[in-house]
Amino acid sequence: MGAEPSGVSMDAVVEVLAYLVSAARTQLDEAAEYAPMRLLTAASRLAEALPDDAPRPVRELADAILEVPSTATPSTDPAAYTAMVDGLCATLADCLLALDPGTTTSSGPDAATPAAP
């Protein structure tokens, strides 16, 4: 995907790794609805650690992630929560396509197949 932006601190990386590992353990004893919340919290922590020189598509993805309320879970309104996560997935896809424009945008089982040269 090209050159990596500079500036993501080791502290930020370790914080997210610690969060993910401890959340995996906590999830064994928690209701399953907390799993997506914990994953999005980790994504938010990474988004907050992005350097100012991150590419525009990455910044747009980070901004979308940071708009998610930290206490959002699917229990209140499962359809709205699913739509919100689906929207983040679409923003992620847009980001990845912008960073690697040689991929296709077709839907279906072969959607991730790169375009023919």
PDB file of N, CA and C in Angstrom:
ATOM      1  N   MET A   1       0.810  -1.194   0.000  1.00  0.00           N
ATOM      2  CA  MET A   1       0.000   0.000   0.000  1.00  0.00           C
ATOM      3  C   MET A   1       0.854   1.259   0.000  1.00  0.00           C
ATOM      4  N   GLY A   2       2.133   1.123  -0.224  1.00  0.00           N
ATOM      5  CA  GLY A   2       2.991   2.295  -0.295  1.00  0.00           C
ATOM      6  C   GLY A   2       3.696   2.560   1.019  1.00  0.00           C
ATOM      7  N   ALA A   3       4.277   3.740   1.106  1.00  0.00           N
ATOM      8  CA  ALA A   3       5.038   4.119   2.292  1.00  0.00           C
ATOM      9  C   ALA A   3       4.119   4.254   3.497  1.00  0.00           C
ATOM     10  N   GLU A   4       4.614   3.812   4.621  1.00  0.00           N
ATOM     11  CA  GLU A   4       3.856   3.909   5.858  1.00  0.00           C
ATOM     12  C   GLU A   4       4.030   5.295   6.459  1.00  0.00           C
ATOM     13  N   PRO A   5       2.954   5.894   7.009  1.00  0.00           N
ATOM     14  CA  PRO A   5       3.104   7.180   7.661  1.00  0.00           C
ATOM     15  C   PRO A   5       3.924   7.022   8.934  1.00  0.00           C
ATOM     16  N   SER A   6       4.700   8.033   9.246  1.00  0.00           N
ATOM     17  CA  SER A   6       5.501   7.984  10.459  1.00  0.00           C
ATOM     18  C   SER A   6       4.701   8.525  11.628  1.00  0.00           C
ATOM     19  N   GLY A   7       5.142   8.200  12.828  1.00  0.00           N
ATOM     20  CA  GLY A   7       4.559   8.838  13.990  1.00  0.00           C
ATOM     21  C   GLY A   7       3.687   7.983  14.882  1.00  0.00           C
ATOM     22  N   VAL A   8       3.328   6.764  14.525  1.00  0.00           N
ATOM     23  CA  VAL A   8       2.545   5.936  15.434  1.00  0.00           C
ATOM     24  C   VAL A   8       3.508   5.436  16.498  1.00  0.00           C
ATOM     25  N   SER A   9       3.227   5.806  17.724  1.00  0.00           N
ATOM     26  CA  SER A   9       4.164   5.507  18.801  1.00  0.00           C
ATOM     27  C   SER A   9       4.083   4.051  19.244  1.00  0.00           C
ATOM     28  N   MET A  10       5.174   3.581  19.779  1.00  0.00           N
ATOM     29  CA  MET A  10       5.220   2.229  20.336  1.00  0.00           C
ATOM     30  C   MET A  10       4.222   2.114  21.485  1.00  0.00           C
ATOM     31  N   ASP A  11       4.063   3.187  22.262  1.00  0.00           N
ATOM     32  CA  ASP A  11       3.093   3.171  23.358  1.00  0.00           C
ATOM     33  C   ASP A  11       1.678   2.928  22.848  1.00  0.00           C
ATOM     34  N   ALA A  12       1.319   3.557  21.723  1.00  0.00           N
ATOM     35  CA  ALA A  12      -0.017   3.371  21.158  1.00  0.00           C
ATOM     36  C   ALA A  12      -0.211   1.939  20.687  1.00  0.00           C
ATOM     37  N   VAL A  13       0.801   1.388  20.060  1.00  0.00           N
ATOM     38  CA  VAL A  13       0.718  -0.001  19.579  1.00  0.00           C
ATOM     39  C   VAL A  13       0.570  -0.954  20.762  1.00  0.00           C
ATOM     40  N   VAL A  14       1.393  -0.778  21.783  1.00  0.00           N
ATOM     41  CA  VAL A  14       1.329  -1.658  22.961  1.00  0.00           C
ATOM     42  C   VAL A  14      -0.012  -1.509  23.662  1.00  0.00           C
ATOM     43  N   GLU A  15      -0.542  -0.286  23.721  1.00  0.00           N
ATOM     44  CA  GLU A  15      -1.842  -0.077  24.358  1.00  0.00           C
ATOM     45  C   GLU A  15      -2.936  -0.859  23.638  1.00  0.00           C
ATOM     46  N   VAL A  16      -2.945  -0.801  22.321  1.00  0.00           N
ATOM     47  CA  VAL A  16      -3.972  -1.522  21.565  1.00  0.00           C
ATOM     48  C   VAL A  16      -3.776  -3.031  21.678  1.00  0.00           C
ATOM     49  N   LEU A  17      -2.533  -3.485  21.611  1.00  0.00           N
ATOM     50  CA  LEU A  17      -2.277  -4.920  21.789  1.00  0.00           C
ATOM     51  C   LEU A  17      -2.745  -5.383  23.165  1.00  0.00           C
ATOM     52  N   ALA A  18      -2.430  -4.631  24.199  1.00  0.00           N
ATOM     53  CA  ALA A  18      -2.855  -4.995  25.557  1.00  0.00           C
ATOM     54  C   ALA A  18      -4.374  -5.004  25.658  1.00  0.00           C
ATOM     55  N   TYR A  19      -5.007  -4.021  25.039  1.00  0.00           N
ATOM     56  CA  TYR A  19      -6.467  -3.958  25.069  1.00  0.00           C
ATOM     57  C   TYR A  19      -7.080  -5.173  24.379  1.00  0.00           C
ATOM     58  N   LEU A  20      -6.571  -5.516  23.213  1.00  0.00           N
ATOM     59  CA  LEU A  20      -7.125  -6.647  22.468  1.00  0.00           C
ATOM     60  C   LEU A  20      -6.942  -7.968  23.210  1.00  0.00           C
ATOM     61  N   VAL A  21      -5.767  -8.174  23.757  1.00  0.00           N
ATOM     62  CA  VAL A  21      -5.511  -9.430  24.470  1.00  0.00           C
ATOM     63  C   VAL A  21      -6.358  -9.516  25.733  1.00  0.00           C
ATOM     64  N   SER A  22      -6.419  -8.434  26.507  1.00  0.00           N
ATOM     65  CA  SER A  22      -7.220  -8.471  27.731  1.00  0.00           C
ATOM     66  C   SER A  22      -8.717  -8.546  27.402  1.00  0.00           C
ATOM     67  N   ALA A  23      -9.146  -7.912  26.305  1.00  0.00           N
ATOM     68  CA  ALA A  23     -10.548  -7.997  25.899  1.00  0.00           C
ATOM     69  C   ALA A  23     -10.901  -9.420  25.484  1.00  0.00           C
ATOM     70  N   ALA A  24      -9.957 -10.111  24.862  1.00  0.00           N
ATOM     71  CA  ALA A  24     -10.209 -11.512  24.492  1.00  0.00           C
ATOM     72  C   ALA A  24     -10.493 -12.333  25.735  1.00  0.00           C
ATOM     73  N   ARG A  25      -9.731 -12.078  26.784  1.00  0.00           N
ATOM     74  CA  ARG A  25      -9.956 -12.828  28.028  1.00  0.00           C
ATOM     75  C   ARG A  25     -11.268 -12.422  28.677  1.00  0.00           C
ATOM     76  N   THR A  26     -11.516 -11.132  28.731  1.00  0.00           N
ATOM     77  CA  THR A  26     -12.746 -10.637  29.342  1.00  0.00           C
ATOM     78  C   THR A  26     -13.964 -11.172  28.605  1.00  0.00           C
ATOM     79  N   GLN A  27     -13.851 -11.278  27.297  1.00  0.00           N
ATOM     80  CA  GLN A  27     -14.982 -11.713  26.473  1.00  0.00           C
ATOM     81  C   GLN A  27     -15.424 -13.133  26.812  1.00  0.00           C
ATOM     82  N   LEU A  28     -14.541 -13.917  27.356  1.00  0.00           N
ATOM     83  CA  LEU A  28     -14.917 -15.278  27.742  1.00  0.00           C
ATOM     84  C   LEU A  28     -16.002 -15.283  28.809  1.00  0.00           C
ATOM     85  N   ASP A  29     -16.047 -14.215  29.616  1.00  0.00           N
ATOM     86  CA  ASP A  29     -16.996 -14.142  30.723  1.00  0.00           C
ATOM     87  C   ASP A  29     -18.117 -13.128  30.504  1.00  0.00           C
ATOM     88  N   GLU A  30     -18.085 -12.395  29.420  1.00  0.00           N
ATOM     89  CA  GLU A  30     -19.074 -11.357  29.153  1.00  0.00           C
ATOM     90  C   GLU A  30     -20.105 -11.811  28.129  1.00  0.00           C
ATOM     91  N   ALA A  31     -21.168 -11.041  28.065  1.00  0.00           N
ATOM     92  CA  ALA A  31     -22.179 -11.276  27.027  1.00  0.00           C
ATOM     93  C   ALA A  31     -21.546 -11.030  25.661  1.00  0.00           C
ATOM     94  N   ALA A  32     -21.943 -11.815  24.687  1.00  0.00           N
ATOM     95  CA  ALA A  32     -21.362 -11.730  23.341  1.00  0.00           C
ATOM     96  C   ALA A  32     -21.548 -10.354  22.707  1.00  0.00           C
ATOM     97  N   GLU A  33     -22.573  -9.610  23.097  1.00  0.00           N
ATOM     98  CA  GLU A  33     -22.821  -8.301  22.486  1.00  0.00           C
ATOM     99  C   GLU A  33     -21.697  -7.297  22.744  1.00  0.00           C
ATOM    100  N   TYR A  34     -20.850  -7.571  23.734  1.00  0.00           N
ATOM    101  CA  TYR A  34     -19.751  -6.645  24.022  1.00  0.00           C
ATOM    102  C   TYR A  34     -18.567  -6.813  23.075  1.00  0.00           C
ATOM    103  N   ALA A  35     -18.491  -7.917  22.370  1.00  0.00           N
ATOM    104  CA  ALA A  35     -17.352  -8.170  21.483  1.00  0.00           C
ATOM    105  C   ALA A  35     -17.190  -7.088  20.409  1.00  0.00           C
ATOM    106  N   PRO A  36     -18.239  -6.742  19.652  1.00  0.00           N
ATOM    107  CA  PRO A  36     -18.032  -5.695  18.650  1.00  0.00           C
ATOM    108  C   PRO A  36     -17.681  -4.356  19.277  1.00  0.00           C
ATOM    109  N   MET A  37     -18.253  -4.059  20.449  1.00  0.00           N
ATOM    110  CA  MET A  37     -17.930  -2.806  21.130  1.00  0.00           C
ATOM    111  C   MET A  37     -16.439  -2.761  21.475  1.00  0.00           C
ATOM    112  N   ARG A  38     -15.912  -3.859  21.955  1.00  0.00           N
ATOM    113  CA  ARG A  38     -14.501  -3.893  22.333  1.00  0.00           C
ATOM    114  C   ARG A  38     -13.599  -3.780  21.103  1.00  0.00           C
ATOM    115  N   LEU A  39     -13.970  -4.429  20.015  1.00  0.00           N
ATOM    116  CA  LEU A  39     -13.172  -4.313  18.789  1.00  0.00           C
ATOM    117  C   LEU A  39     -13.192  -2.880  18.249  1.00  0.00           C
ATOM    118  N   LEU A  40     -14.354  -2.238  18.305  1.00  0.00           N
ATOM    119  CA  LEU A  40     -14.435  -0.859  17.836  1.00  0.00           C
ATOM    120  C   LEU A  40     -13.700   0.097  18.774  1.00  0.00           C
ATOM    121  N   THR A  41     -13.649  -0.228  20.055  1.00  0.00           N
ATOM    122  CA  THR A  41     -12.851   0.583  20.986  1.00  0.00           C
ATOM    123  C   THR A  41     -11.375   0.488  20.616  1.00  0.00           C
ATOM    124  N   ALA A  42     -10.921  -0.710  20.299  1.00  0.00           N
ATOM    125  CA  ALA A  42      -9.518  -0.869  19.879  1.00  0.00           C
ATOM    126  C   ALA A  42      -9.266  -0.106  18.578  1.00  0.00           C
ATOM    127  N   ALA A  43     -10.214  -0.171  17.645  1.00  0.00           N
ATOM    128  CA  ALA A  43     -10.075   0.585  16.396  1.00  0.00           C
ATOM    129  C   ALA A  43     -10.021   2.083  16.678  1.00  0.00           C
ATOM    130  N   SER A  44     -10.811   2.548  17.639  1.00  0.00           N
ATOM    131  CA  SER A  44     -10.792   3.960  18.010  1.00  0.00           C
ATOM    132  C   SER A  44      -9.439   4.366  18.575  1.00  0.00           C
ATOM    133  N   ARG A  45      -8.863   3.503  19.378  1.00  0.00           N
ATOM    134  CA  ARG A  45      -7.541   3.813  19.943  1.00  0.00           C
ATOM    135  C   ARG A  45      -6.487   3.906  18.850  1.00  0.00           C
ATOM    136  N   LEU A  46      -6.560   3.028  17.873  1.00  0.00           N
ATOM    137  CA  LEU A  46      -5.635   3.138  16.730  1.00  0.00           C
ATOM    138  C   LEU A  46      -5.900   4.412  15.937  1.00  0.00           C
ATOM    139  N   ALA A  47      -7.178   4.726  15.729  1.00  0.00           N
ATOM    140  CA  ALA A  47      -7.531   5.932  14.981  1.00  0.00           C
ATOM    141  C   ALA A  47      -6.996   7.180  15.675  1.00  0.00           C
ATOM    142  N   GLU A  48      -7.069   7.198  16.992  1.00  0.00           N
ATOM    143  CA  GLU A  48      -6.559   8.346  17.753  1.00  0.00           C
ATOM    144  C   GLU A  48      -5.048   8.470  17.641  1.00  0.00           C
ATOM    145  N   ALA A  49      -4.359   7.361  17.406  1.00  0.00           N
ATOM    146  CA  ALA A  49      -2.897   7.366  17.348  1.00  0.00           C
ATOM    147  C   ALA A  49      -2.353   7.681  15.959  1.00  0.00           C
ATOM    148  N   LEU A  50      -3.238   7.825  14.973  1.00  0.00           N
ATOM    149  CA  LEU A  50      -2.765   8.099  13.617  1.00  0.00           C
ATOM    150  C   LEU A  50      -1.999   9.410  13.565  1.00  0.00           C
ATOM    151  N   PRO A  51      -0.913   9.421  12.843  1.00  0.00           N
ATOM    152  CA  PRO A  51      -0.155  10.667  12.706  1.00  0.00           C
ATOM    153  C   PRO A  51      -0.905  11.658  11.811  1.00  0.00           C
ATOM    154  N   ASP A  52      -0.554  12.907  11.951  1.00  0.00           N
ATOM    155  CA  ASP A  52      -1.197  13.953  11.148  1.00  0.00           C
ATOM    156  C   ASP A  52      -0.961  13.776   9.659  1.00  0.00           C
ATOM    157  N   ASP A  53       0.141  13.096   9.297  1.00  0.00           N
ATOM    158  CA  ASP A  53       0.458  12.935   7.876  1.00  0.00           C
ATOM    159  C   ASP A  53      -0.133  11.663   7.267  1.00  0.00           C
ATOM    160  N   ALA A  54      -1.097  11.040   7.966  1.00  0.00           N
ATOM    161  CA  ALA A  54      -1.758   9.851   7.409  1.00  0.00           C
ATOM    162  C   ALA A  54      -2.497  10.253   6.136  1.00  0.00           C
ATOM    163  N   PRO A  55      -2.559   9.360   5.148  1.00  0.00           N
ATOM    164  CA  PRO A  55      -3.266   9.678   3.906  1.00  0.00           C
ATOM    165  C   PRO A  55      -4.734  10.024   4.161  1.00  0.00           C
ATOM    166  N   ARG A  56      -5.308  10.854   3.299  1.00  0.00           N
ATOM    167  CA  ARG A  56      -6.688  11.306   3.442  1.00  0.00           C
ATOM    168  C   ARG A  56      -7.672  10.151   3.608  1.00  0.00           C
ATOM    169  N   PRO A  57      -7.598   9.080   2.805  1.00  0.00           N
ATOM    170  CA  PRO A  57      -8.575   7.991   2.997  1.00  0.00           C
ATOM    171  C   PRO A  57      -8.480   7.351   4.381  1.00  0.00           C
ATOM    172  N   VAL A  58      -7.287   7.282   4.920  1.00  0.00           N
ATOM    173  CA  VAL A  58      -7.103   6.701   6.259  1.00  0.00           C
ATOM    174  C   VAL A  58      -7.684   7.644   7.306  1.00  0.00           C
ATOM    175  N   ARG A  59      -7.470   8.947   7.121  1.00  0.00           N
ATOM    176  CA  ARG A  59      -8.033   9.938   8.050  1.00  0.00           C
ATOM    177  C   ARG A  59      -9.562   9.874   8.020  1.00  0.00           C
ATOM    178  N   GLU A  60     -10.138   9.721   6.827  1.00  0.00           N
ATOM    179  CA  GLU A  60     -11.600   9.628   6.717  1.00  0.00           C
ATOM    180  C   GLU A  60     -12.128   8.383   7.433  1.00  0.00           C
ATOM    181  N   LEU A  61     -11.415   7.285   7.311  1.00  0.00           N
ATOM    182  CA  LEU A  61     -11.795   6.063   8.027  1.00  0.00           C
ATOM    183  C   LEU A  61     -11.694   6.290   9.532  1.00  0.00           C
ATOM    184  N   ALA A  62     -10.590   6.879   9.962  1.00  0.00           N
ATOM    185  CA  ALA A  62     -10.399   7.151  11.393  1.00  0.00           C
ATOM    186  C   ALA A  62     -11.503   8.057  11.924  1.00  0.00           C
ATOM    187  N   ASP A  63     -11.851   9.089  11.169  1.00  0.00           N
ATOM    188  CA  ASP A  63     -12.915   9.997  11.603  1.00  0.00           C
ATOM    189  C   ASP A  63     -14.242   9.260  11.751  1.00  0.00           C
ATOM    190  N   ALA A  64     -14.543   8.368  10.814  1.00  0.00           N
ATOM    191  CA  ALA A  64     -15.787   7.590  10.893  1.00  0.00           C
ATOM    192  C   ALA A  64     -15.780   6.690  12.124  1.00  0.00           C
ATOM    193  N   ILE A  65     -14.652   6.077  12.410  1.00  0.00           N
ATOM    194  CA  ILE A  65     -14.540   5.207  13.586  1.00  0.00           C
ATOM    195  C   ILE A  65     -14.720   6.019  14.860  1.00  0.00           C
ATOM    196  N   LEU A  66     -14.109   7.196  14.897  1.00  0.00           N
ATOM    197  CA  LEU A  66     -14.174   8.023  16.103  1.00  0.00           C
ATOM    198  C   LEU A  66     -15.561   8.595  16.350  1.00  0.00           C
ATOM    199  N   GLU A  67     -16.438   8.555  15.364  1.00  0.00           N
ATOM    200  CA  GLU A  67     -17.823   9.011  15.548  1.00  0.00           C
ATOM    201  C   GLU A  67     -18.682   7.978  16.274  1.00  0.00           C
ATOM    202  N   VAL A  68     -18.223   6.746  16.359  1.00  0.00           N
ATOM    203  CA  VAL A  68     -19.001   5.687  17.011  1.00  0.00           C
ATOM    204  C   VAL A  68     -18.998   5.928  18.516  1.00  0.00           C
ATOM    205  N   PRO A  69     -20.173   5.989  19.144  1.00  0.00           N
ATOM    206  CA  PRO A  69     -20.217   6.160  20.601  1.00  0.00           C
ATOM    207  C   PRO A  69     -19.505   5.000  21.296  1.00  0.00           C
ATOM    208  N   SER A  70     -18.726   5.317  22.301  1.00  0.00           N
ATOM    209  CA  SER A  70     -17.921   4.286  22.965  1.00  0.00           C
ATOM    210  C   SER A  70     -18.767   3.236  23.676  1.00  0.00           C
ATOM    211  N   THR A  71     -20.009   3.535  23.966  1.00  0.00           N
ATOM    212  CA  THR A  71     -20.868   2.582  24.670  1.00  0.00           C
ATOM    213  C   THR A  71     -21.881   1.896  23.746  1.00  0.00           C
ATOM    214  N   ALA A  72     -21.735   2.088  22.449  1.00  0.00           N
ATOM    215  CA  ALA A  72     -22.688   1.483  21.506  1.00  0.00           C
ATOM    216  C   ALA A  72     -22.566  -0.040  21.515  1.00  0.00           C
ATOM    217  N   THR A  73     -23.699  -0.702  21.637  1.00  0.00           N
ATOM    218  CA  THR A  73     -23.768  -2.164  21.533  1.00  0.00           C
ATOM    219  C   THR A  73     -25.006  -2.509  20.704  1.00  0.00           C
ATOM    220  N   PRO A  74     -25.067  -3.727  20.184  1.00  0.00           N
ATOM    221  CA  PRO A  74     -26.226  -4.116  19.381  1.00  0.00           C
ATOM    222  C   PRO A  74     -27.493  -4.348  20.193  1.00  0.00           C
ATOM    223  N   SER A  75     -27.424  -4.325  21.519  1.00  0.00           N
ATOM    224  CA  SER A  75     -28.598  -4.677  22.323  1.00  0.00           C
ATOM    225  C   SER A  75     -29.708  -3.639  22.258  1.00  0.00           C
ATOM    226  N   THR A  76     -29.396  -2.371  22.135  1.00  0.00           N
ATOM    227  CA  THR A  76     -30.418  -1.326  22.132  1.00  0.00           C
ATOM    228  C   THR A  76     -31.252  -1.346  20.860  1.00  0.00           C
ATOM    229  N   ASP A  77     -30.565  -1.338  19.713  1.00  0.00           N
ATOM    230  CA  ASP A  77     -31.240  -1.341  18.414  1.00  0.00           C
ATOM    231  C   ASP A  77     -30.375  -2.148  17.446  1.00  0.00           C
ATOM    232  N   PRO A  78     -30.572  -3.462  17.405  1.00  0.00           N
ATOM    233  CA  PRO A  78     -29.709  -4.315  16.580  1.00  0.00           C
ATOM    234  C   PRO A  78     -29.639  -3.890  15.117  1.00  0.00           C
ATOM    235  N   ALA A  79     -30.740  -3.475  14.532  1.00  0.00           N
ATOM    236  CA  ALA A  79     -30.727  -3.086  13.116  1.00  0.00           C
ATOM    237  C   ALA A  79     -29.891  -1.818  12.911  1.00  0.00           C
ATOM    238  N   ALA A  80     -30.045  -0.842  13.777  1.00  0.00           N
ATOM    239  CA  ALA A  80     -29.272   0.396  13.654  1.00  0.00           C
ATOM    240  C   ALA A  80     -27.789   0.133  13.883  1.00  0.00           C
ATOM    241  N   TYR A  81     -27.482  -0.723  14.848  1.00  0.00           N
ATOM    242  CA  TYR A  81     -26.082  -1.046  15.131  1.00  0.00           C
ATOM    243  C   TYR A  81     -25.451  -1.761  13.930  1.00  0.00           C
ATOM    244  N   THR A  82     -26.189  -2.694  13.373  1.00  0.00           N
ATOM    245  CA  THR A  82     -25.699  -3.413  12.194  1.00  0.00           C
ATOM    246  C   THR A  82     -25.474  -2.449  11.038  1.00  0.00           C
ATOM    247  N   ALA A  83     -26.400  -1.527  10.833  1.00  0.00           N
ATOM    248  CA  ALA A  83     -26.257  -0.534   9.765  1.00  0.00           C
ATOM    249  C   ALA A  83     -25.026   0.341  10.008  1.00  0.00           C
ATOM    250  N   MET A  84     -24.771   0.711  11.268  1.00  0.00           N
ATOM    251  CA  MET A  84     -23.612   1.525  11.596  1.00  0.00           C
ATOM    252  C   MET A  84     -22.320   0.765  11.282  1.00  0.00           C
ATOM    253  N   VAL A  85     -22.249  -0.495  11.683  1.00  0.00           N
ATOM    254  CA  VAL A  85     -21.042  -1.295  11.415  1.00  0.00           C
ATOM    255  C   VAL A  85     -20.904  -1.540   9.911  1.00  0.00           C
ATOM    256  N   ASP A  86     -22.006  -1.784   9.232  1.00  0.00           N
ATOM    257  CA  ASP A  86     -21.954  -1.934   7.771  1.00  0.00           C
ATOM    258  C   ASP A  86     -21.420  -0.660   7.115  1.00  0.00           C
ATOM    259  N   GLY A  87     -21.823   0.492   7.633  1.00  0.00           N
ATOM    260  CA  GLY A  87     -21.308   1.762   7.118  1.00  0.00           C
ATOM    261  C   GLY A  87     -19.811   1.893   7.324  1.00  0.00           C
ATOM    262  N   LEU A  88     -19.328   1.454   8.485  1.00  0.00           N
ATOM    263  CA  LEU A  88     -17.882   1.468   8.734  1.00  0.00           C
ATOM    264  C   LEU A  88     -17.161   0.532   7.769  1.00  0.00           C
ATOM    265  N   CYS A  89     -17.771  -0.612   7.499  1.00  0.00           N
ATOM    266  CA  CYS A  89     -17.164  -1.550   6.539  1.00  0.00           C
ATOM    267  C   CYS A  89     -17.087  -0.932   5.146  1.00  0.00           C
ATOM    268  N   ALA A  90     -18.117  -0.201   4.749  1.00  0.00           N
ATOM    269  CA  ALA A  90     -18.100   0.477   3.450  1.00  0.00           C
ATOM    270  C   ALA A  90     -17.022   1.556   3.422  1.00  0.00           C
ATOM    271  N   THR A  91     -16.879   2.297   4.518  1.00  0.00           N
ATOM    272  CA  THR A  91     -15.837   3.320   4.603  1.00  0.00           C
ATOM    273  C   THR A  91     -14.459   2.671   4.552  1.00  0.00           C
ATOM    274  N   LEU A  92     -14.310   1.539   5.212  1.00  0.00           N
ATOM    275  CA  LEU A  92     -13.056   0.789   5.161  1.00  0.00           C
ATOM    276  C   LEU A  92     -12.757   0.352   3.731  1.00  0.00           C
ATOM    277  N   ALA A  93     -13.758  -0.177   3.039  1.00  0.00           N
ATOM    278  CA  ALA A  93     -13.561  -0.612   1.649  1.00  0.00           C
ATOM    279  C   ALA A  93     -13.143   0.568   0.773  1.00  0.00           C
ATOM    280  N   ASP A  94     -13.795   1.720   0.955  1.00  0.00           N
ATOM    281  CA  ASP A  94     -13.417   2.916   0.197  1.00  0.00           C
ATOM    282  C   ASP A  94     -11.976   3.300   0.473  1.00  0.00           C
ATOM    283  N   CYS A  95     -11.574   3.217   1.729  1.00  0.00           N
ATOM    284  CA  CYS A  95     -10.200   3.538   2.117  1.00  0.00           C
ATOM    285  C   CYS A  95      -9.218   2.596   1.435  1.00  0.00           C
ATOM    286  N   LEU A  96      -9.484   1.311   1.500  1.00  0.00           N
ATOM    287  CA  LEU A  96      -8.577   0.328   0.904  1.00  0.00           C
ATOM    288  C   LEU A  96      -8.495   0.499  -0.612  1.00  0.00           C
ATOM    289  N   LEU A  97      -9.622   0.772  -1.235  1.00  0.00           N
ATOM    290  CA  LEU A  97      -9.618   0.988  -2.686  1.00  0.00           C
ATOM    291  C   LEU A  97      -8.849   2.254  -3.054  1.00  0.00           C
ATOM    292  N   ALA A  98      -8.975   3.290  -2.240  1.00  0.00           N
ATOM    293  CA  ALA A  98      -8.248   4.531  -2.519  1.00  0.00           C
ATOM    294  C   ALA A  98      -6.741   4.336  -2.344  1.00  0.00           C
ATOM    295  N   LEU A  99      -6.361   3.486  -1.398  1.00  0.00           N
ATOM    296  CA  LEU A  99      -4.936   3.235  -1.163  1.00  0.00           C
ATOM    297  C   LEU A  99      -4.353   2.280  -2.194  1.00  0.00           C
ATOM    298  N   ASP A 100      -5.202   1.418  -2.779  1.00  0.00           N
ATOM    299  CA  ASP A 100      -4.752   0.452  -3.782  1.00  0.00           C
ATOM    300  C   ASP A 100      -5.780   0.420  -4.909  1.00  0.00           C
ATOM    301  N   PRO A 101      -5.757   1.438  -5.774  1.00  0.00           N
ATOM    302  CA  PRO A 101      -6.793   1.554  -6.796  1.00  0.00           C
ATOM    303  C   PRO A 101      -6.781   0.444  -7.843  1.00  0.00           C
ATOM    304  N   GLY A 102      -5.844  -0.491  -7.807  1.00  0.00           N
ATOM    305  CA  GLY A 102      -5.794  -1.575  -8.772  1.00  0.00           C
ATOM    306  C   GLY A 102      -6.743  -2.707  -8.446  1.00  0.00           C
ATOM    307  N   THR A 103      -7.543  -2.592  -7.385  1.00  0.00           N
ATOM    308  CA  THR A 103      -8.483  -3.653  -7.029  1.00  0.00           C
ATOM    309  C   THR A 103      -9.841  -3.371  -7.647  1.00  0.00           C
ATOM    310  N   THR A 104     -10.661  -4.400  -7.726  1.00  0.00           N
ATOM    311  CA  THR A 104     -11.990  -4.253  -8.315  1.00  0.00           C
ATOM    312  C   THR A 104     -12.978  -3.788  -7.269  1.00  0.00           C
ATOM    313  N   THR A 105     -14.134  -3.337  -7.723  1.00  0.00           N
ATOM    314  CA  THR A 105     -15.198  -2.918  -6.814  1.00  0.00           C
ATOM    315  C   THR A 105     -16.446  -3.774  -6.983  1.00  0.00           C
ATOM    316  N   SER A 106     -16.305  -4.937  -7.633  1.00  0.00           N
ATOM    317  CA  SER A 106     -17.472  -5.795  -7.835  1.00  0.00           C
ATOM    318  C   SER A 106     -17.881  -6.439  -6.518  1.00  0.00           C
ATOM    319  N   SER A 107     -19.141  -6.817  -6.427  1.00  0.00           N
ATOM    320  CA  SER A 107     -19.615  -7.484  -5.217  1.00  0.00           C
ATOM    321  C   SER A 107     -19.696  -8.982  -5.475  1.00  0.00           C
ATOM    322  N   GLY A 108     -19.858  -9.722  -4.416  1.00  0.00           N
ATOM    323  CA  GLY A 108     -19.978 -11.165  -4.535  1.00  0.00           C
ATOM    324  C   GLY A 108     -18.744 -11.868  -4.009  1.00  0.00           C
ATOM    325  N   PRO A 109     -18.694 -13.181  -4.162  1.00  0.00           N
ATOM    326  CA  PRO A 109     -17.619 -13.965  -3.570  1.00  0.00           C
ATOM    327  C   PRO A 109     -16.237 -13.628  -4.109  1.00  0.00           C
ATOM    328  N   ASP A 110     -16.147 -13.076  -5.307  1.00  0.00           N
ATOM    329  CA  ASP A 110     -14.851 -12.757  -5.894  1.00  0.00           C
ATOM    330  C   ASP A 110     -14.523 -11.268  -5.766  1.00  0.00           C
ATOM    331  N   ALA A 111     -15.188 -10.552  -4.872  1.00  0.00           N
ATOM    332  CA  ALA A 111     -15.018  -9.104  -4.777  1.00  0.00           C
ATOM    333  C   ALA A 111     -13.596  -8.714  -4.435  1.00  0.00           C
ATOM    334  N   ALA A 112     -12.871  -9.533  -3.705  1.00  0.00           N
ATOM    335  CA  ALA A 112     -11.510  -9.184  -3.290  1.00  0.00           C
ATOM    336  C   ALA A 112     -10.470  -9.541  -4.347  1.00  0.00           C
ATOM    337  N   THR A 113     -10.882 -10.106  -5.458  1.00  0.00           N
ATOM    338  CA  THR A 113      -9.957 -10.488  -6.522  1.00  0.00           C
ATOM    339  C   THR A 113      -9.422  -9.246  -7.220  1.00  0.00           C
ATOM    340  N   PRO A 114      -8.104  -9.087  -7.332  1.00  0.00           N
ATOM    341  CA  PRO A 114      -7.564  -7.913  -8.008  1.00  0.00           C
ATOM    342  C   PRO A 114      -7.965  -7.876  -9.487  1.00  0.00           C
ATOM    343  N   ALA A 115      -8.007  -6.681 -10.014  1.00  0.00           N
ATOM    344  CA  ALA A 115      -8.354  -6.505 -11.418  1.00  0.00           C
ATOM    345  C   ALA A 115      -7.255  -7.076 -12.282  1.00  0.00           C
ATOM    346  N   ALA A 116      -7.617  -7.590 -13.440  1.00  0.00           N
ATOM    347  CA  ALA A 116      -6.630  -8.140 -14.397  1.00  0.00           C
ATOM    348  C   ALA A 116      -5.763  -7.012 -14.929  1.00  0.00           C
ATOM    349  N   PRO A 117      -4.468  -7.279 -15.168  1.00  0.00           N
ATOM    350  CA  PRO A 117      -3.579  -6.220 -15.687  1.00  0.00           C
ATOM    351  C   PRO A 117      -3.948  -5.789 -17.095  1.00  0.00           C
TER     352      PRO A 117
END
